[in-house]
C-alpha atoms as a PDB file:
ATOM      1  CA  MET A   1       0.000   0.000   0.000  1.00  0.00           C
ATOM      2  CA  GLY A   2       1.498   3.327  -0.993  1.00  0.00           C
ATOM      3  CA  LEU A   3       0.906   7.009  -0.623  1.00  0.00           C
ATOM      4  CA  SER A   4       0.547   9.070  -3.750  1.00  0.00           C
ATOM      5  CA  LYS A   5      -0.297  12.604  -4.794  1.00  0.00           C
ATOM      6  CA  LEU A   6      -1.096  14.478  -7.982  1.00  0.00           C
ATOM      7  CA  ALA A   7       2.003  15.080 -10.126  1.00  0.00           C
ATOM      8  CA  ALA A   8       3.512  18.575 -10.130  1.00  0.00           C
ATOM      9  CA  GLY A   9       2.835  19.038 -13.868  1.00  0.00           C
ATOM     10  CA  CYS A  10      -0.849  18.176 -13.402  1.00  0.00           C
ATOM     11  CA  ARG A  11      -1.211  20.507 -10.426  1.00  0.00           C
ATOM     12  CA  ALA A  12       0.091  23.415 -12.557  1.00  0.00           C
ATOM     13  CA  CYS A  13      -2.182  22.572 -15.528  1.00  0.00           C
ATOM     14  CA  PRO A  14      -5.198  24.897 -16.083  1.00  0.00           C
ATOM     15  CA  TYR A  15      -7.381  21.852 -16.925  1.00  0.00           C
ATOM     16  CA  VAL A  16      -6.656  19.972 -13.693  1.00  0.00           C
ATOM     17  CA  ASP A  17     -10.354  19.799 -12.720  1.00  0.00           C
ATOM     18  CA  THR A  18     -11.692  18.532 -16.053  1.00  0.00           C
ATOM     19  CA  CYS A  19      -8.789  16.420 -17.337  1.00  0.00           C
ATOM     20  CA  GLY A  20      -9.253  12.645 -17.461  1.00  0.00           C
ATOM     21  CA  HIS A  21      -5.540  11.837 -17.851  1.00  0.00           C
ATOM     22  CA  LYS A  22      -4.136  12.808 -14.489  1.00  0.00           C
ATOM     23  CA  ARG A  23      -0.773  11.466 -13.369  1.00  0.00           C
ATOM     24  CA  MET A  24       0.053  10.438  -9.830  1.00  0.00           C
ATOM     25  CA  GLU A  25       3.470  10.260  -8.214  1.00  0.00           C
ATOM     26  CA  ALA A  26       4.484   8.006  -5.349  1.00  0.00           C
ATOM     27  CA  VAL A  27       5.321   9.634  -2.050  1.00  0.00           C
ATOM     28  CA  GLY A  28       6.084   6.545   0.033  1.00  0.00           C
ATOM     29  CA  PHE A  29       4.867   3.249   1.336  1.00  0.00           C
ATOM     30  CA  LEU A  30       3.133   2.403   4.562  1.00  0.00           C
ATOM     31  CA  PRO A  31       4.967  -0.403   6.363  1.00  0.00           C
ATOM     32  CA  LEU A  32       2.165  -0.449   8.940  1.00  0.00           C
ATOM     33  CA  PHE A  33      -0.012  -2.654   6.733  1.00  0.00           C
ATOM     34  CA  GLN A  34       2.748  -5.174   6.116  1.00  0.00           C
ATOM     35  CA  SER A  35       3.529  -5.582   9.797  1.00  0.00           C
ATOM     36  CA  ALA A  36      -0.174  -5.883  10.670  1.00  0.00           C
ATOM     37  CA  ALA A  37      -0.722  -8.694   8.179  1.00  0.00           C
ATOM     38  CA  GLN A  38       2.373 -10.645   9.139  1.00  0.00           C
ATOM     39  CA  PRO A  39       1.206 -11.966  12.572  1.00  0.00           C
ATOM     40  CA  ALA A  40      -2.073 -13.148  11.056  1.00  0.00           C
ATOM     41  CA  ALA A  41      -0.229 -15.088   8.373  1.00  0.00           C
ATOM     42  CA  GLU A  42       2.131 -16.614  10.929  1.00  0.00           C
ATOM     43  CA  SER A  43      -0.695 -17.762  13.183  1.00  0.00           C
ATOM     44  CA  ALA A  44      -2.575 -19.256  10.233  1.00  0.00           C
ATOM     45  CA  ALA A  45       0.464 -21.302   9.263  1.00  0.00           C
ATOM     46  CA  GLN A  46       0.861 -22.825  12.727  1.00  0.00           C
ATOM     47  CA  PRO A  47      -1.099 -25.943  13.585  1.00  0.00           C
ATOM     48  CA  LEU A  48      -4.101 -25.440  15.796  1.00  0.00           C
ATOM     49  CA  LEU A  49      -3.187 -25.859  19.421  1.00  0.00           C
ATOM     50  CA  ARG A  50      -5.854 -27.575  21.447  1.00  0.00           C
ATOM     51  CA  GLU A  51      -5.901 -27.750  25.211  1.00  0.00           C
ATOM     52  CA  THR A  52      -5.356 -31.280  26.447  1.00  0.00           C
ATOM     53  CA  MET A  53      -5.987 -32.899  29.774  1.00  0.00           C
ATOM     54  CA  GLU A  54      -4.965 -36.229  31.260  1.00  0.00           C
ATOM     55  CA  ILE A  55      -7.700 -38.391  32.786  1.00  0.00           C
ATOM     56  CA  ARG A  56      -7.625 -41.910  34.166  1.00  0.00           C
ATOM     57  CA  VAL A  57      -9.689 -44.635  32.522  1.00  0.00           C
ATOM     58  CA  ASP A  58      -9.487 -48.058  34.218  1.00  0.00           C
ATOM     59  CA  GLY A  59      -6.396 -46.859  36.093  1.00  0.00           C
ATOM     60  CA  LYS A  60      -4.517 -45.900  32.925  1.00  0.00           C
ATOM     61  CA  PRO A  61      -3.748 -42.261  32.009  1.00  0.00           C
ATOM     62  CA  VAL A  62      -5.423 -41.129  28.789  1.00  0.00           C
ATOM     63  CA  THR A  63      -4.815 -37.760  27.116  1.00  0.00           C
ATOM     64  CA  VAL A  64      -8.012 -36.136  25.804  1.00  0.00           C
ATOM     65  CA  TYR A  65      -8.952 -32.780  24.314  1.00  0.00           C
ATOM     66  CA  VAL A  66     -10.825 -30.409  26.615  1.00  0.00           C
ATOM     67  CA  ASP A  67     -13.134 -29.104  23.869  1.00  0.00           C
ATOM     68  CA  GLU A  68     -14.316 -32.656  23.096  1.00  0.00           C
ATOM     69  CA  ILE A  69     -15.138 -33.229  26.774  1.00  0.00           C
ATOM     70  CA  GLU A  70     -17.090 -29.942  26.896  1.00  0.00           C
ATOM     71  CA  LYS A  71     -18.980 -30.903  23.744  1.00  0.00           C
ATOM     72  CA  GLN A  72     -19.920 -34.315  25.156  1.00  0.00           C
ATOM     73  CA  LEU A  73     -21.041 -32.799  28.471  1.00  0.00           C
ATOM     74  CA  THR A  74     -23.244 -30.281  26.659  1.00  0.00           C
ATOM     75  CA  ARG A  75     -24.856 -33.059  24.599  1.00  0.00           C
ATOM     76  CA  GLU A  76     -25.584 -35.047  27.740  1.00  0.00           C
ATOM     77  CA  LEU A  77     -27.035 -32.022  29.552  1.00  0.00           C
ATOM     78  CA  TYR A  78     -29.441 -31.155  26.738  1.00  0.00           C
ATOM     79  CA  ALA A  79     -30.329 -34.718  25.670  1.00  0.00           C
ATOM     80  CA  HIS A  80     -33.315 -34.956  28.044  1.00  0.00           C
ATOM     81  CA  LEU A  81     -34.851 -31.832  26.472  1.00  0.00           C
ATOM     82  CA  GLY A  82     -35.088 -33.470  23.071  1.00  0.00           C
ATOM     83  CA  LEU A  83     -32.795 -30.923  21.489  1.00  0.00           C
ATOM     84  CA  GLN A  84     -30.399 -31.960  18.744  1.00  0.00           C
ATOM     85  CA  TYR A  85     -27.524 -29.872  20.079  1.00  0.00           C
ATOM     86  CA  GLY A  86     -24.513 -29.723  17.792  1.00  0.00           C
ATOM     87  CA  ALA A  87     -26.225 -31.603  14.947  1.00  0.00           C
END
């Protein structure tokens, strides 16, 4: 993304308001937009990190995802209402 302004020759022209062939000249670039987009691209490239938790099933430790446990609990809570939650 850059900054631009009307060229000096066009600013001095008497037909500057009605002319359809105006020329622009570059003033500079805004590095702000590049740095703002960079963290979003970096986070999109990383794998999704999911919170895990270790529970014991039959005395053995099993690693599970917290969001899956929350989803299952919500299904069980709303099952008696006849709602198809998450379907």
